[in-house]
C-alpha atoms as a PDB file:
ATOM      1  CA  MET A   1    -121.126  94.259 118.718  1.00  0.00           C
ATOM      2  CA  LYS A   2    -118.906  97.301 118.397  1.00  0.00           C
ATOM      3  CA  GLY A   3    -120.639  99.267 115.664  1.00  0.00           C
ATOM      4  CA  THR A   4    -123.245  99.599 112.955  1.00  0.00           C
ATOM      5  CA  LYS A   5    -121.592  97.193 110.517  1.00  0.00           C
ATOM      6  CA  GLU A   6    -121.692  94.385 113.081  1.00  0.00           C
ATOM      7  CA  LEU A   7    -125.291  95.243 114.009  1.00  0.00           C
ATOM      8  CA  ILE A   8    -126.460  95.100 110.393  1.00  0.00           C
ATOM      9  CA  GLU A   9    -124.707  91.753 109.934  1.00  0.00           C
ATOM     10  CA  HIS A  10    -126.335  90.555 113.151  1.00  0.00           C
ATOM     11  CA  LEU A  11    -129.830  91.562 111.972  1.00  0.00           C
ATOM     12  CA  THR A  12    -129.358  90.040 108.507  1.00  0.00           C
ATOM     13  CA  LEU A  13    -131.200  86.726 108.243  1.00  0.00           C
ATOM     14  CA  GLU A  14    -130.428  83.523 106.372  1.00  0.00           C
ATOM     15  CA  PRO A  15    -133.292  82.372 104.090  1.00  0.00           C
ATOM     16  CA  ILE A  16    -133.768  78.630 104.602  1.00  0.00           C
ATOM     17  CA  GLU A  17    -137.094  78.096 102.824  1.00  0.00           C
ATOM     18  CA  ILE A  18    -139.895  80.187 101.292  1.00  0.00           C
ATOM     19  CA  ASN A  19    -141.130  82.516 104.092  1.00  0.00           C
ATOM     20  CA  ILE A  20    -138.715  80.952 106.615  1.00  0.00           C
ATOM     21  CA  PHE A  21    -135.545  82.650 107.873  1.00  0.00           C
ATOM     22  CA  ARG A  22    -132.884  81.982 110.492  1.00  0.00           C
ATOM     23  CA  GLY A  23    -131.120  84.507 112.730  1.00  0.00           C
ATOM     24  CA  GLN A  24    -128.304  84.378 115.258  1.00  0.00           C
ATOM     25  CA  SER A  25    -128.149  86.030 118.686  1.00  0.00           C
ATOM     26  CA  ALA A  26    -125.581  88.284 120.329  1.00  0.00           C
ATOM     27  CA  SER A  27    -125.341  89.028 124.037  1.00  0.00           C
ATOM     28  CA  ILE A  28    -125.874  92.515 125.479  1.00  0.00           C
ATOM     29  CA  GLY A  29    -125.027  91.213 128.959  1.00  0.00           C
ATOM     30  CA  SER A  30    -128.251  89.398 129.769  1.00  0.00           C
ATOM     31  CA  PRO A  31    -128.502  85.574 129.921  1.00  0.00           C
ATOM     32  CA  ARG A  32    -131.591  85.878 127.705  1.00  0.00           C
ATOM     33  CA  VAL A  33    -131.899  87.077 124.109  1.00  0.00           C
ATOM     34  CA  PHE A  34    -132.386  90.853 123.956  1.00  0.00           C
ATOM     35  CA  GLY A  35    -136.000  91.642 123.078  1.00  0.00           C
ATOM     36  CA  GLY A  36    -134.991  94.393 120.659  1.00  0.00           C
ATOM     37  CA  GLN A  37    -132.999  91.848 118.662  1.00  0.00           C
ATOM     38  CA  VAL A  38    -135.974  89.504 118.228  1.00  0.00           C
ATOM     39  CA  LEU A  39    -138.233  92.443 117.353  1.00  0.00           C
ATOM     40  CA  ALA A  40    -135.804  93.769 114.735  1.00  0.00           C
ATOM     41  CA  GLN A  41    -135.095  90.358 113.204  1.00  0.00           C
ATOM     42  CA  ALA A  42    -138.836  89.624 112.981  1.00  0.00           C
ATOM     43  CA  LEU A  43    -139.316  92.943 111.167  1.00  0.00           C
ATOM     44  CA  GLU A  44    -136.435  92.099 108.845  1.00  0.00           C
ATOM     45  CA  ALA A  45    -138.035  88.710 108.095  1.00  0.00           C
ATOM     46  CA  ALA A  46    -141.300  90.438 107.190  1.00  0.00           C
ATOM     47  CA  ASN A  47    -139.435  92.995 105.061  1.00  0.00           C
ATOM     48  CA  GLN A  48    -138.029  90.181 102.926  1.00  0.00           C
ATOM     49  CA  THR A  49    -141.577  89.274 101.804  1.00  0.00           C
ATOM     50  CA  VAL A  50    -142.948  92.795 101.194  1.00  0.00           C
ATOM     51  CA  PRO A  51    -142.833  94.763  97.890  1.00  0.00           C
ATOM     52  CA  GLU A  52    -140.129  97.437  97.751  1.00  0.00           C
ATOM     53  CA  ASP A  53    -142.620 100.311  97.324  1.00  0.00           C
ATOM     54  CA  ARG A  54    -143.920 100.065 100.924  1.00  0.00           C
ATOM     55  CA  THR A  55    -142.424 100.352 104.399  1.00  0.00           C
ATOM     56  CA  VAL A  56    -143.673  99.365 107.846  1.00  0.00           C
ATOM     57  CA  HIS A  57    -145.956 101.888 109.536  1.00  0.00           C
ATOM     58  CA  SER A  58    -146.931  99.817 112.588  1.00  0.00           C
ATOM     59  CA  LEU A  59    -146.027  96.613 114.385  1.00  0.00           C
ATOM     60  CA  HIS A  60    -147.357  94.830 117.455  1.00  0.00           C
ATOM     61  CA  GLY A  61    -145.376  92.041 119.101  1.00  0.00           C
ATOM     62  CA  TYR A  62    -145.665  89.722 122.118  1.00  0.00           C
ATOM     63  CA  PHE A  63    -142.705  88.146 123.905  1.00  0.00           C
ATOM     64  CA  ILE A  64    -143.862  84.634 124.827  1.00  0.00           C
ATOM     65  CA  LEU A  65    -140.761  82.823 126.117  1.00  0.00           C
ATOM     66  CA  ALA A  66    -137.233  83.895 126.981  1.00  0.00           C
ATOM     67  CA  GLY A  67    -134.877  83.277 124.067  1.00  0.00           C
ATOM     68  CA  ASP A  68    -131.896  80.907 124.314  1.00  0.00           C
ATOM     69  CA  ILE A  69    -128.881  83.006 123.363  1.00  0.00           C
ATOM     70  CA  GLU A  70    -126.862  79.902 122.392  1.00  0.00           C
ATOM     71  CA  ARG A  71    -129.294  78.701 119.717  1.00  0.00           C
ATOM     72  CA  PRO A  72    -130.434  80.231 116.398  1.00  0.00           C
ATOM     73  CA  ILE A  73    -133.955  81.613 116.052  1.00  0.00           C
ATOM     74  CA  VAL A  74    -136.210  80.574 113.167  1.00  0.00           C
ATOM     75  CA  TYR A  75    -138.691  83.155 111.833  1.00  0.00           C
ATOM     76  CA  GLN A  76    -141.763  82.030 109.894  1.00  0.00           C
ATOM     77  CA  VAL A  77    -143.664  84.671 107.922  1.00  0.00           C
ATOM     78  CA  ASP A  78    -147.367  84.408 107.107  1.00  0.00           C
ATOM     79  CA  ARG A  79    -148.346  86.566 104.127  1.00  0.00           C
ATOM     80  CA  ILE A  80    -151.725  87.646 105.488  1.00  0.00           C
ATOM     81  CA  ARG A  81    -152.655  90.192 102.817  1.00  0.00           C
ATOM     82  CA  ASP A  82    -151.251  92.100  99.849  1.00  0.00           C
ATOM     83  CA  GLY A  83    -153.509  95.056  99.008  1.00  0.00           C
ATOM     84  CA  LYS A  84    -153.245  98.038  96.681  1.00  0.00           C
ATOM     85  CA  SER A  85    -151.967 100.338  99.460  1.00  0.00           C
ATOM     86  CA  PHE A  86    -151.311  98.119 102.483  1.00  0.00           C
ATOM     87  CA  THR A  87    -149.529  94.829 103.110  1.00  0.00           C
ATOM     88  CA  THR A  88    -150.008  92.766 106.278  1.00  0.00           C
ATOM     89  CA  ARG A  89    -147.626  90.168 107.661  1.00  0.00           C
ATOM     90  CA  ARG A  90    -147.554  87.904 110.714  1.00  0.00           C
ATOM     91  CA  VAL A  91    -144.205  86.606 111.990  1.00  0.00           C
ATOM     92  CA  VAL A  92    -143.629  83.868 114.575  1.00  0.00           C
ATOM     93  CA  ALA A  93    -140.169  83.234 116.055  1.00  0.00           C
ATOM     94  CA  PHE A  94    -139.326  79.668 117.115  1.00  0.00           C
ATOM     95  CA  GLN A  95    -136.672  78.013 119.284  1.00  0.00           C
ATOM     96  CA  HIS A  96    -136.567  74.397 120.443  1.00  0.00           C
ATOM     97  CA  GLY A  97    -139.828  73.791 118.558  1.00  0.00           C
ATOM     98  CA  LYS A  98    -141.731  76.431 120.555  1.00  0.00           C
ATOM     99  CA  ALA A  99    -142.916  79.929 119.686  1.00  0.00           C
ATOM    100  CA  ILE A 100    -140.965  82.525 121.686  1.00  0.00           C
ATOM    101  CA  PHE A 101    -142.331  85.673 119.973  1.00  0.00           C
ATOM    102  CA  ASN A 102    -145.058  86.676 117.538  1.00  0.00           C
ATOM    103  CA  MET A 103    -145.656  89.915 115.685  1.00  0.00           C
ATOM    104  CA  SER A 104    -148.151  91.482 113.303  1.00  0.00           C
ATOM    105  CA  ALA A 105    -146.887  94.268 111.041  1.00  0.00           C
ATOM    106  CA  SER A 106    -148.546  96.523 108.484  1.00  0.00           C
ATOM    107  CA  PHE A 107    -146.775  98.152 105.530  1.00  0.00           C
ATOM    108  CA  HIS A 108    -147.973 101.142 103.489  1.00  0.00           C
ATOM    109  CA  ILE A 109    -147.087 102.920 100.250  1.00  0.00           C
ATOM    110  CA  GLN A 110    -146.198 106.647 100.303  1.00  0.00           C
ATOM    111  CA  GLU A 111    -149.310 108.837 100.156  1.00  0.00           C
ATOM    112  CA  ASP A 112    -150.132 112.550 100.531  1.00  0.00           C
ATOM    113  CA  GLY A 113    -152.496 113.664 103.314  1.00  0.00           C
ATOM    114  CA  TYR A 114    -152.917 115.800 106.428  1.00  0.00           C
ATOM    115  CA  ASP A 115    -149.859 116.395 108.593  1.00  0.00           C
ATOM    116  CA  HIS A 116    -149.665 117.329 112.295  1.00  0.00           C
ATOM    117  CA  GLN A 117    -147.710 116.214 115.359  1.00  0.00           C
ATOM    118  CA  SER A 118    -146.930 116.867 119.010  1.00  0.00           C
ATOM    119  CA  THR A 119    -144.286 119.479 119.781  1.00  0.00           C
ATOM    120  CA  ALA A 120    -140.814 118.166 120.533  1.00  0.00           C
ATOM    121  CA  PRO A 121    -139.527 118.698 124.111  1.00  0.00           C
ATOM    122  CA  ASP A 122    -137.245 121.666 124.740  1.00  0.00           C
ATOM    123  CA  VAL A 123    -134.152 119.914 126.115  1.00  0.00           C
ATOM    124  CA  PRO A 124    -130.370 120.256 125.706  1.00  0.00           C
ATOM    125  CA  GLY A 125    -129.031 118.836 122.454  1.00  0.00           C
ATOM    126  CA  PRO A 126    -126.701 115.818 122.202  1.00  0.00           C
ATOM    127  CA  ASP A 127    -123.612 117.974 121.648  1.00  0.00           C
ATOM    128  CA  GLU A 128    -124.104 119.419 125.136  1.00  0.00           C
ATOM    129  CA  LEU A 129    -124.196 115.998 126.797  1.00  0.00           C
ATOM    130  CA  LYS A 130    -121.783 113.169 127.568  1.00  0.00           C
ATOM    131  CA  ASP A 131    -121.981 109.542 126.480  1.00  0.00           C
ATOM    132  CA  ASP A 132    -123.852 107.584 129.181  1.00  0.00           C
ATOM    133  CA  HIS A 133    -121.135 104.903 129.114  1.00  0.00           C
ATOM    134  CA  ASP A 134    -118.441 107.460 129.896  1.00  0.00           C
ATOM    135  CA  VAL A 135    -120.487 108.910 132.775  1.00  0.00           C
ATOM    136  CA  ILE A 136    -121.104 105.505 134.337  1.00  0.00           C
ATOM    137  CA  GLN A 137    -117.432 104.522 134.078  1.00  0.00           C
ATOM    138  CA  THR A 138    -116.586 107.242 136.633  1.00  0.00           C
ATOM    139  CA  TYR A 139    -118.283 105.201 139.386  1.00  0.00           C
ATOM    140  CA  ALA A 140    -118.443 101.715 137.816  1.00  0.00           C
ATOM    141  CA  SER A 141    -115.949 100.294 140.313  1.00  0.00           C
ATOM    142  CA  SER A 142    -118.525 100.723 143.086  1.00  0.00           C
ATOM    143  CA  LEU A 143    -121.071  98.560 141.260  1.00  0.00           C
ATOM    144  CA  PRO A 144    -121.436  94.749 141.514  1.00  0.00           C
ATOM    145  CA  SER A 145    -118.997  92.797 139.333  1.00  0.00           C
ATOM    146  CA  LYS A 146    -121.821  91.388 137.176  1.00  0.00           C
ATOM    147  CA  VAL A 147    -123.039  94.913 136.462  1.00  0.00           C
ATOM    148  CA  GLN A 148    -119.506  96.038 135.602  1.00  0.00           C
ATOM    149  CA  ALA A 149    -119.159  93.157 133.131  1.00  0.00           C
ATOM    150  CA  TRP A 150    -122.514  94.094 131.572  1.00  0.00           C
ATOM    151  CA  LEU A 151    -121.464  97.740 131.238  1.00  0.00           C
ATOM    152  CA  ASN A 152    -118.238  96.788 129.452  1.00  0.00           C
ATOM    153  CA  ILE A 153    -119.958  94.924 126.619  1.00  0.00           C
ATOM    154  CA  PRO A 154    -119.613  97.036 123.411  1.00  0.00           C
ATOM    155  CA  ARG A 155    -122.925  98.328 122.070  1.00  0.00           C
ATOM    156  CA  PRO A 156    -123.737  99.515 118.532  1.00  0.00           C
ATOM    157  CA  ILE A 157    -125.981 102.335 119.839  1.00  0.00           C
ATOM    158  CA  GLU A 158    -124.704 105.418 121.673  1.00  0.00           C
ATOM    159  CA  PHE A 159    -126.922 106.972 124.361  1.00  0.00           C
ATOM    160  CA  ARG A 160    -126.706 110.444 125.912  1.00  0.00           C
ATOM    161  CA  SER A 161    -129.195 111.085 128.708  1.00  0.00           C
ATOM    162  CA  VAL A 162    -130.387 114.634 129.338  1.00  0.00           C
ATOM    163  CA  GLU A 163    -130.196 113.779 133.056  1.00  0.00           C
ATOM    164  CA  PRO A 164    -126.791 112.039 133.420  1.00  0.00           C
ATOM    165  CA  PRO A 165    -126.986 108.499 134.864  1.00  0.00           C
ATOM    166  CA  THR A 166    -125.192 109.275 138.142  1.00  0.00           C
ATOM    167  CA  ILE A 167    -125.905 107.242 141.282  1.00  0.00           C
ATOM    168  CA  GLN A 168    -127.872 110.164 142.724  1.00  0.00           C
ATOM    169  CA  ASN A 169    -129.981 110.565 139.580  1.00  0.00           C
ATOM    170  CA  MET A 170    -130.549 106.828 139.278  1.00  0.00           C
ATOM    171  CA  MET A 171    -132.134 106.762 142.733  1.00  0.00           C
ATOM    172  CA  LYS A 172    -134.332 109.806 142.076  1.00  0.00           C
ATOM    173  CA  SER A 173    -137.908 109.287 140.906  1.00  0.00           C
ATOM    174  CA  SER A 174    -138.744 110.837 137.550  1.00  0.00           C
ATOM    175  CA  ASP A 175    -141.972 111.414 135.629  1.00  0.00           C
ATOM    176  CA  GLN A 176    -140.221 111.983 132.299  1.00  0.00           C
ATOM    177  CA  GLN A 177    -136.902 110.859 130.841  1.00  0.00           C
ATOM    178  CA  TYR A 178    -135.107 112.131 127.766  1.00  0.00           C
ATOM    179  CA  VAL A 179    -132.354 110.198 126.005  1.00  0.00           C
ATOM    180  CA  TRP A 180    -130.570 111.059 122.765  1.00  0.00           C
ATOM    181  CA  PHE A 181    -129.341 108.052 120.787  1.00  0.00           C
ATOM    182  CA  LYS A 182    -127.920 107.067 117.399  1.00  0.00           C
ATOM    183  CA  ALA A 183    -126.182 104.199 115.653  1.00  0.00           C
ATOM    184  CA  LYS A 184    -122.386 104.143 115.982  1.00  0.00           C
ATOM    185  CA  GLY A 185    -121.615 104.359 112.295  1.00  0.00           C
ATOM    186  CA  GLU A 186    -123.218 105.108 108.939  1.00  0.00           C
ATOM    187  CA  VAL A 187    -126.308 103.163 107.900  1.00  0.00           C
ATOM    188  CA  PRO A 188    -127.046 102.522 104.188  1.00  0.00           C
ATOM    189  CA  ASP A 189    -129.562 104.874 102.588  1.00  0.00           C
ATOM    190  CA  GLN A 190    -132.413 102.378 102.865  1.00  0.00           C
ATOM    191  CA  GLN A 191    -135.354 103.441 105.038  1.00  0.00           C
ATOM    192  CA  ARG A 192    -136.205  99.831 105.842  1.00  0.00           C
ATOM    193  CA  MET A 193    -132.801  99.295 107.463  1.00  0.00           C
ATOM    194  CA  HIS A 194    -133.158 102.515 109.475  1.00  0.00           C
ATOM    195  CA  GLN A 195    -136.557 101.279 110.692  1.00  0.00           C
ATOM    196  CA  THR A 196    -135.147  97.870 111.614  1.00  0.00           C
ATOM    197  CA  ILE A 197    -132.326  99.401 113.652  1.00  0.00           C
ATOM    198  CA  LEU A 198    -134.763 101.797 115.330  1.00  0.00           C
ATOM    199  CA  ALA A 199    -136.912  98.812 116.336  1.00  0.00           C
ATOM    200  CA  TYR A 200    -133.786  97.256 117.869  1.00  0.00           C
ATOM    201  CA  ALA A 201    -132.834 100.436 119.759  1.00  0.00           C
ATOM    202  CA  SER A 202    -136.389 101.184 120.916  1.00  0.00           C
ATOM    203  CA  ASP A 203    -136.317  98.332 123.453  1.00  0.00           C
ATOM    204  CA  TYR A 204    -133.587 100.096 125.448  1.00  0.00           C
ATOM    205  CA  ASN A 205    -134.624 102.384 128.331  1.00  0.00           C
ATOM    206  CA  LEU A 206    -138.389 101.699 128.226  1.00  0.00           C
ATOM    207  CA  LEU A 207    -138.832  99.565 131.350  1.00  0.00           C
ATOM    208  CA  GLY A 208    -136.316 101.764 133.118  1.00  0.00           C
ATOM    209  CA  ALA A 209    -138.906 104.558 132.971  1.00  0.00           C
ATOM    210  CA  ALA A 210    -141.353 102.446 135.008  1.00  0.00           C
ATOM    211  CA  VAL A 211    -138.734 101.505 137.603  1.00  0.00           C
ATOM    212  CA  LYS A 212    -137.325 105.039 137.884  1.00  0.00           C
ATOM    213  CA  LYS A 213    -140.807 106.395 138.566  1.00  0.00           C
ATOM    214  CA  HIS A 214    -140.348 104.846 142.034  1.00  0.00           C
ATOM    215  CA  GLY A 215    -136.755 105.952 142.520  1.00  0.00           C
ATOM    216  CA  LYS A 216    -135.485 102.427 141.867  1.00  0.00           C
ATOM    217  CA  THR A 217    -133.025 100.830 139.457  1.00  0.00           C
ATOM    218  CA  PHE A 218    -132.784  97.406 137.854  1.00  0.00           C
ATOM    219  CA  LEU A 219    -130.547  96.408 140.784  1.00  0.00           C
ATOM    220  CA  ASP A 220    -133.674  96.603 142.959  1.00  0.00           C
ATOM    221  CA  MET A 221    -135.601  94.230 140.719  1.00  0.00           C
ATOM    222  CA  LYS A 222    -135.929  90.465 141.137  1.00  0.00           C
ATOM    223  CA  LEU A 223    -136.923  90.169 137.473  1.00  0.00           C
ATOM    224  CA  THR A 224    -137.648  92.491 134.547  1.00  0.00           C
ATOM    225  CA  ALA A 225    -138.811  91.332 131.129  1.00  0.00           C
ATOM    226  CA  SER A 226    -140.601  92.849 128.143  1.00  0.00           C
ATOM    227  CA  LEU A 227    -144.077  91.389 127.657  1.00  0.00           C
ATOM    228  CA  ASP A 228    -145.188  93.211 124.521  1.00  0.00           C
ATOM    229  CA  HIS A 229    -143.987  95.991 122.231  1.00  0.00           C
ATOM    230  CA  ALA A 230    -145.798  98.186 119.711  1.00  0.00           C
ATOM    231  CA  MET A 231    -144.402 100.827 117.352  1.00  0.00           C
ATOM    232  CA  TRP A 232    -145.774 103.300 114.852  1.00  0.00           C
ATOM    233  CA  PHE A 233    -143.475 104.835 112.236  1.00  0.00           C
ATOM    234  CA  HIS A 234    -144.699 108.309 111.250  1.00  0.00           C
ATOM    235  CA  ARG A 235    -141.983 109.919 109.122  1.00  0.00           C
ATOM    236  CA  ASP A 236    -138.724 109.015 107.408  1.00  0.00           C
ATOM    237  CA  PHE A 237    -135.549 109.454 109.474  1.00  0.00           C
ATOM    238  CA  ARG A 238    -131.937 108.408 109.787  1.00  0.00           C
ATOM    239  CA  VAL A 239    -130.945 106.327 112.783  1.00  0.00           C
ATOM    240  CA  ASP A 240    -127.295 107.312 112.294  1.00  0.00           C
ATOM    241  CA  ASP A 241    -128.304 110.900 113.123  1.00  0.00           C
ATOM    242  CA  TRP A 242    -129.242 111.849 116.693  1.00  0.00           C
ATOM    243  CA  LEU A 243    -132.798 110.967 117.774  1.00  0.00           C
ATOM    244  CA  LEU A 244    -134.482 112.005 121.029  1.00  0.00           C
ATOM    245  CA  TYR A 245    -136.391 109.372 123.036  1.00  0.00           C
ATOM    246  CA  SER A 246    -138.981 111.029 125.310  1.00  0.00           C
ATOM    247  CA  LEU A 247    -140.092 108.390 127.843  1.00  0.00           C
ATOM    248  CA  ASP A 248    -142.683 108.142 130.593  1.00  0.00           C
ATOM    249  CA  SER A 249    -144.649 105.512 132.510  1.00  0.00           C
ATOM    250  CA  PRO A 250    -148.354 106.338 133.018  1.00  0.00           C
ATOM    251  CA  SER A 251    -149.067 103.226 135.111  1.00  0.00           C
ATOM    252  CA  ALA A 252    -147.638 100.296 137.058  1.00  0.00           C
ATOM    253  CA  SER A 253    -149.700  97.622 138.805  1.00  0.00           C
ATOM    254  CA  ASN A 254    -149.780  93.871 139.437  1.00  0.00           C
ATOM    255  CA  ALA A 255    -145.979  93.632 138.890  1.00  0.00           C
ATOM    256  CA  ARG A 256    -146.336  95.130 135.400  1.00  0.00           C
ATOM    257  CA  GLY A 257    -145.101  98.504 134.209  1.00  0.00           C
ATOM    258  CA  PHE A 258    -146.643 100.322 131.258  1.00  0.00           C
ATOM    259  CA  THR A 259    -144.309 102.664 129.385  1.00  0.00           C
ATOM    260  CA  ARG A 260    -144.426 104.796 126.274  1.00  0.00           C
ATOM    261  CA  GLY A 261    -141.989 106.773 124.186  1.00  0.00           C
ATOM    262  CA  SER A 262    -142.003 109.430 121.463  1.00  0.00           C
ATOM    263  CA  ILE A 263    -138.996 109.608 119.151  1.00  0.00           C
ATOM    264  CA  PHE A 264    -138.042 112.930 117.538  1.00  0.00           C
ATOM    265  CA  ASP A 265    -135.230 113.892 115.169  1.00  0.00           C
ATOM    266  CA  GLN A 266    -133.054 116.953 115.778  1.00  0.00           C
ATOM    267  CA  ALA A 267    -135.348 119.097 113.625  1.00  0.00           C
ATOM    268  CA  GLY A 268    -138.214 118.318 116.018  1.00  0.00           C
ATOM    269  CA  ASN A 269    -140.065 115.935 113.698  1.00  0.00           C
ATOM    270  CA  LEU A 270    -141.945 113.107 115.450  1.00  0.00           C
ATOM    271  CA  VAL A 271    -140.645 110.042 113.608  1.00  0.00           C
ATOM    272  CA  ALA A 272    -142.009 107.172 115.736  1.00  0.00           C
ATOM    273  CA  SER A 273    -144.097 106.277 118.782  1.00  0.00           C
ATOM    274  CA  VAL A 274    -143.576 103.279 121.068  1.00  0.00           C
ATOM    275  CA  VAL A 275    -145.518 101.579 123.873  1.00  0.00           C
ATOM    276  CA  GLN A 276    -144.518  98.599 125.971  1.00  0.00           C
ATOM    277  CA  GLU A 277    -145.671  96.680 129.026  1.00  0.00           C
ATOM    278  CA  GLY A 278    -143.131  94.711 130.998  1.00  0.00           C
ATOM    279  CA  LEU A 279    -142.749  92.570 134.071  1.00  0.00           C
ATOM    280  CA  ILE A 280    -141.114  94.441 136.981  1.00  0.00           C
ATOM    281  CA  ARG A 281    -140.902  92.222 140.069  1.00  0.00           C
ATOM    282  CA  PRO A 282    -139.201  93.973 143.007  1.00  0.00           C
ATOM    283  CA  LYS A 283    -136.846  92.033 145.269  1.00  0.00           C
END
């Protein structure tokens, strides 16, 4: 996928029955379906069954089986509850007759109330940084051929790390990581679509925070895989404007890494929070 238009088409689902939708997969270089894709498509399936006056404020998903990138994914939505202020949905993704992912999501109307947040990190802005892809290309020829092929796959999200992804930096342990990101192209003025694309993008970089804590990279791993993923959406935002992902990993044990992220806009507003646990098996 080269840009936002292709990503939106990719996340758009085909309705095949009441509460049942079908989605297609696109490779990001892994032999398995990208977890962010399944998460975003599941959210989009739920969105199709929710009244227009409410948007998702939280979701909690579990990755059960690796997805087959050659086969479509069927999403079945369970309309758990429709209340006066909140709507609850459960979504299960199926392939080959088996559940590969399930998610619960809650949607809320707009309401007035108290307002506070954590302070945004004081880091260089995106205009002061280079595209991660451009930085990596300067030394890509020294990487394994499979990694080079993975790096050359077009992505619809642009990333600019505050600490450039050089070989030296990749091998240096880090307690905190900061990455600016945005969609490569304009997104329609529909908050639900911005949320769906943010769910897609949020699965990038998370497990890397757990691995980098030990001065390692994915090349040092026998296997990495997302196990679960939770998000909370706090404020409206645009995913085609720069957003800052502040990432850390409070714990790793028993071949699992626990990571979390706070997402801020350029004005310093906290727009979303993310947590994830993943499998990180060293070689």
